[in-house]
Amino acid sequence: MSNLLERLRGHGRRMTAQRRVVAEVLDGEHVHLTADEVHARAAQMLPEISRATVYNTLGELVLLGEVVEVSAHGRAKRYDPNAHHPHQHLVCSGCGTIRDVHPTGDPLAALPEEERFGFTVSGAEVTYRGLCPSCAPGLPHT
């Protein structure tokens, strides 16, 4: 679990009904919803929540560093509440499903010194792409 609700309380922000509902929708393992998906789920819990409130709350969560925006080639941004646990993403090229993965090794070590062009490199984002079991029928799934 991402424990997003607990982290938000730690920021000392007022826990409005809207913030609570958005955080509850996002909280969980492998949750990578679009803003529209967050709004649809939040509206089931709090019917009066507006799309603008959801977008504003997501933007606030990103600025706080509690949620990460994830882009998947021409698709709507998705929001990842797993902001404090190092991981990479596995993205289905067919349906856009995103899963958190935890490969071994240091991606920074894979960048040779001569390819850093004098940069002081502080992080790396790796995205693995392929087809999920639903989009690749007939292929062996492991």
Protein backbone atom coordinates (compact mmCIF):
# COMPACT_ATOMS: atom_id res chain seq x y z
CA MET A 1 0.00 0.00 0.00
CA SER A 2 1.15 3.51 -0.68
CA ASN A 3 -0.14 4.93 2.67
CA LEU A 4 -1.04 8.17 0.88
CA LEU A 5 -3.63 9.25 3.46
CA GLU A 6 -1.11 8.98 6.30
CA ARG A 7 1.48 10.93 4.32
CA LEU A 8 -0.99 13.72 3.57
CA ARG A 9 -1.90 14.05 7.23
CA GLY A 10 1.83 14.45 7.90
CA HIS A 11 1.91 17.59 5.73
CA GLY A 12 -0.45 19.32 8.12
CA ARG A 13 -2.95 20.03 5.34
CA ARG A 14 -6.59 20.24 6.20
CA MET A 15 -8.12 16.90 5.25
CA THR A 16 -11.16 18.02 3.30
CA ALA A 17 -13.68 15.46 2.12
CA GLN A 18 -12.45 16.00 -1.44
CA ARG A 19 -8.77 15.44 -0.58
CA ARG A 20 -9.64 12.39 1.47
CA VAL A 21 -11.68 10.83 -1.34
CA VAL A 22 -9.01 11.50 -4.00
CA ALA A 23 -6.35 10.03 -1.70
CA GLU A 24 -8.53 6.98 -0.99
CA VAL A 25 -9.06 6.42 -4.72
CA LEU A 26 -5.32 6.64 -5.39
CA ASP A 27 -4.14 4.67 -2.38
CA GLY A 28 -3.01 1.15 -3.16
CA GLU A 29 -0.46 -1.01 -4.88
CA HIS A 30 -0.05 -0.69 -8.68
CA VAL A 31 -2.57 2.16 -8.88
CA HIS A 32 -1.95 4.30 -11.97
CA LEU A 33 -5.22 6.03 -12.77
CA THR A 34 -5.92 8.91 -15.16
CA ALA A 35 -7.50 12.07 -13.75
CA ASP A 36 -10.81 11.07 -15.36
CA GLU A 37 -10.63 7.63 -13.74
CA VAL A 38 -9.88 9.25 -10.38
CA HIS A 39 -12.88 11.57 -10.86
CA ALA A 40 -15.22 8.70 -11.82
CA ARG A 41 -14.24 6.66 -8.75
CA ALA A 42 -14.26 9.68 -6.44
CA ALA A 43 -17.75 10.66 -7.65
CA GLN A 44 -19.04 7.24 -6.60
CA MET A 45 -17.89 8.02 -3.06
CA LEU A 46 -18.62 11.77 -3.06
CA PRO A 47 -21.11 12.58 -5.84
CA GLU A 48 -20.68 16.35 -5.57
CA ILE A 49 -16.92 16.30 -6.28
CA SER A 50 -16.13 18.23 -9.46
CA ARG A 51 -13.67 17.33 -12.17
CA ALA A 52 -11.85 20.63 -11.50
CA THR A 53 -11.44 19.73 -7.82
CA VAL A 54 -9.96 16.36 -8.76
CA TYR A 55 -7.53 17.98 -11.22
CA ASN A 56 -6.55 20.63 -8.65
CA THR A 57 -6.07 18.02 -5.93
CA LEU A 58 -3.93 15.84 -8.21
CA GLY A 59 -1.80 18.87 -9.09
CA GLU A 60 -1.40 19.67 -5.39
CA LEU A 61 -0.38 16.06 -4.64
CA VAL A 62 2.21 16.16 -7.42
CA LEU A 63 3.64 19.46 -6.10
CA LEU A 64 3.84 17.98 -2.60
CA GLY A 65 5.80 15.04 -4.03
CA GLU A 66 3.19 12.57 -2.80
CA VAL A 67 2.04 11.47 -6.25
CA VAL A 68 4.07 11.09 -9.44
CA GLU A 69 2.74 11.83 -12.92
CA VAL A 70 3.46 8.98 -15.32
CA SER A 71 3.21 9.42 -19.08
CA ALA A 72 2.69 6.55 -21.50
CA HIS A 73 3.29 7.52 -25.15
CA GLY A 74 0.44 9.74 -26.28
CA ARG A 75 -1.96 8.58 -23.58
CA ALA A 76 -3.44 10.57 -20.73
CA LYS A 77 -1.16 11.14 -17.75
CA ARG A 78 -1.56 8.67 -14.94
CA TYR A 79 -0.97 9.26 -11.26
CA ASP A 80 1.21 6.98 -9.14
CA PRO A 81 0.87 7.25 -5.34
CA ASN A 82 3.94 5.07 -4.83
CA ALA A 83 6.16 8.16 -4.80
CA HIS A 84 8.39 7.20 -1.89
CA HIS A 85 9.39 3.68 -2.88
CA PRO A 86 12.01 3.37 -5.63
CA HIS A 87 10.59 1.52 -8.62
CA GLN A 88 10.30 1.57 -12.40
CA HIS A 89 7.29 1.05 -14.65
CA LEU A 90 6.17 -1.68 -17.03
CA VAL A 91 3.74 -0.27 -19.61
CA CYS A 92 1.51 -2.24 -21.97
CA SER A 93 1.83 -0.82 -25.49
CA GLY A 94 -1.67 -2.11 -26.24
CA CYS A 95 -3.99 -0.96 -23.47
CA GLY A 96 -1.72 1.35 -21.47
CA THR A 97 -1.80 -0.66 -18.24
CA ILE A 98 1.05 0.35 -15.95
CA ARG A 99 2.61 -1.86 -13.29
CA ASP A 100 5.31 -1.05 -10.74
CA VAL A 101 8.41 -3.20 -11.10
CA HIS A 102 11.55 -3.45 -9.00
CA PRO A 103 14.46 -4.55 -11.19
CA THR A 104 17.77 -5.31 -9.59
CA GLY A 105 20.83 -3.25 -10.33
CA ASP A 106 21.51 0.46 -10.44
CA PRO A 107 20.30 2.21 -13.61
CA LEU A 108 22.77 5.04 -12.93
CA ALA A 109 25.63 2.56 -13.20
CA ALA A 110 24.45 1.66 -16.72
CA LEU A 111 25.27 5.18 -17.96
CA PRO A 112 28.99 5.34 -18.81
CA GLU A 113 30.91 8.37 -17.60
CA GLU A 114 31.62 9.51 -21.19
CA GLU A 115 27.86 9.57 -21.88
CA ARG A 116 27.12 11.89 -18.95
CA PHE A 117 28.51 14.97 -20.74
CA GLY A 118 29.62 16.53 -17.48
CA PHE A 119 26.19 16.15 -15.84
CA THR A 120 26.01 15.29 -12.17
CA VAL A 121 23.40 12.59 -12.56
CA SER A 122 21.07 12.24 -9.59
CA GLY A 123 18.41 9.86 -10.85
CA ALA A 124 17.15 7.68 -13.67
CA GLU A 125 13.70 6.69 -14.87
CA VAL A 126 13.39 3.44 -16.78
CA THR A 127 10.19 2.40 -18.52
CA TYR A 128 9.80 -1.14 -19.77
CA ARG A 129 7.31 -1.58 -22.62
CA GLY A 130 5.57 -4.65 -23.95
CA LEU A 131 2.18 -6.34 -24.15
CA CYS A 132 0.20 -7.45 -21.11
CA PRO A 133 -1.42 -10.92 -21.06
CA SER A 134 -4.77 -9.46 -22.16
CA CYS A 135 -3.26 -7.72 -25.20
CA ALA A 136 -1.04 -10.60 -26.28
CA PRO A 137 -3.34 -13.62 -26.56
CA GLY A 138 -1.62 -16.80 -27.60
CA LEU A 139 1.78 -15.73 -26.28
CA PRO A 140 3.20 -17.63 -23.32
CA HIS A 141 2.78 -15.65 -20.07
CA THR A 142 5.22 -15.98 -17.22
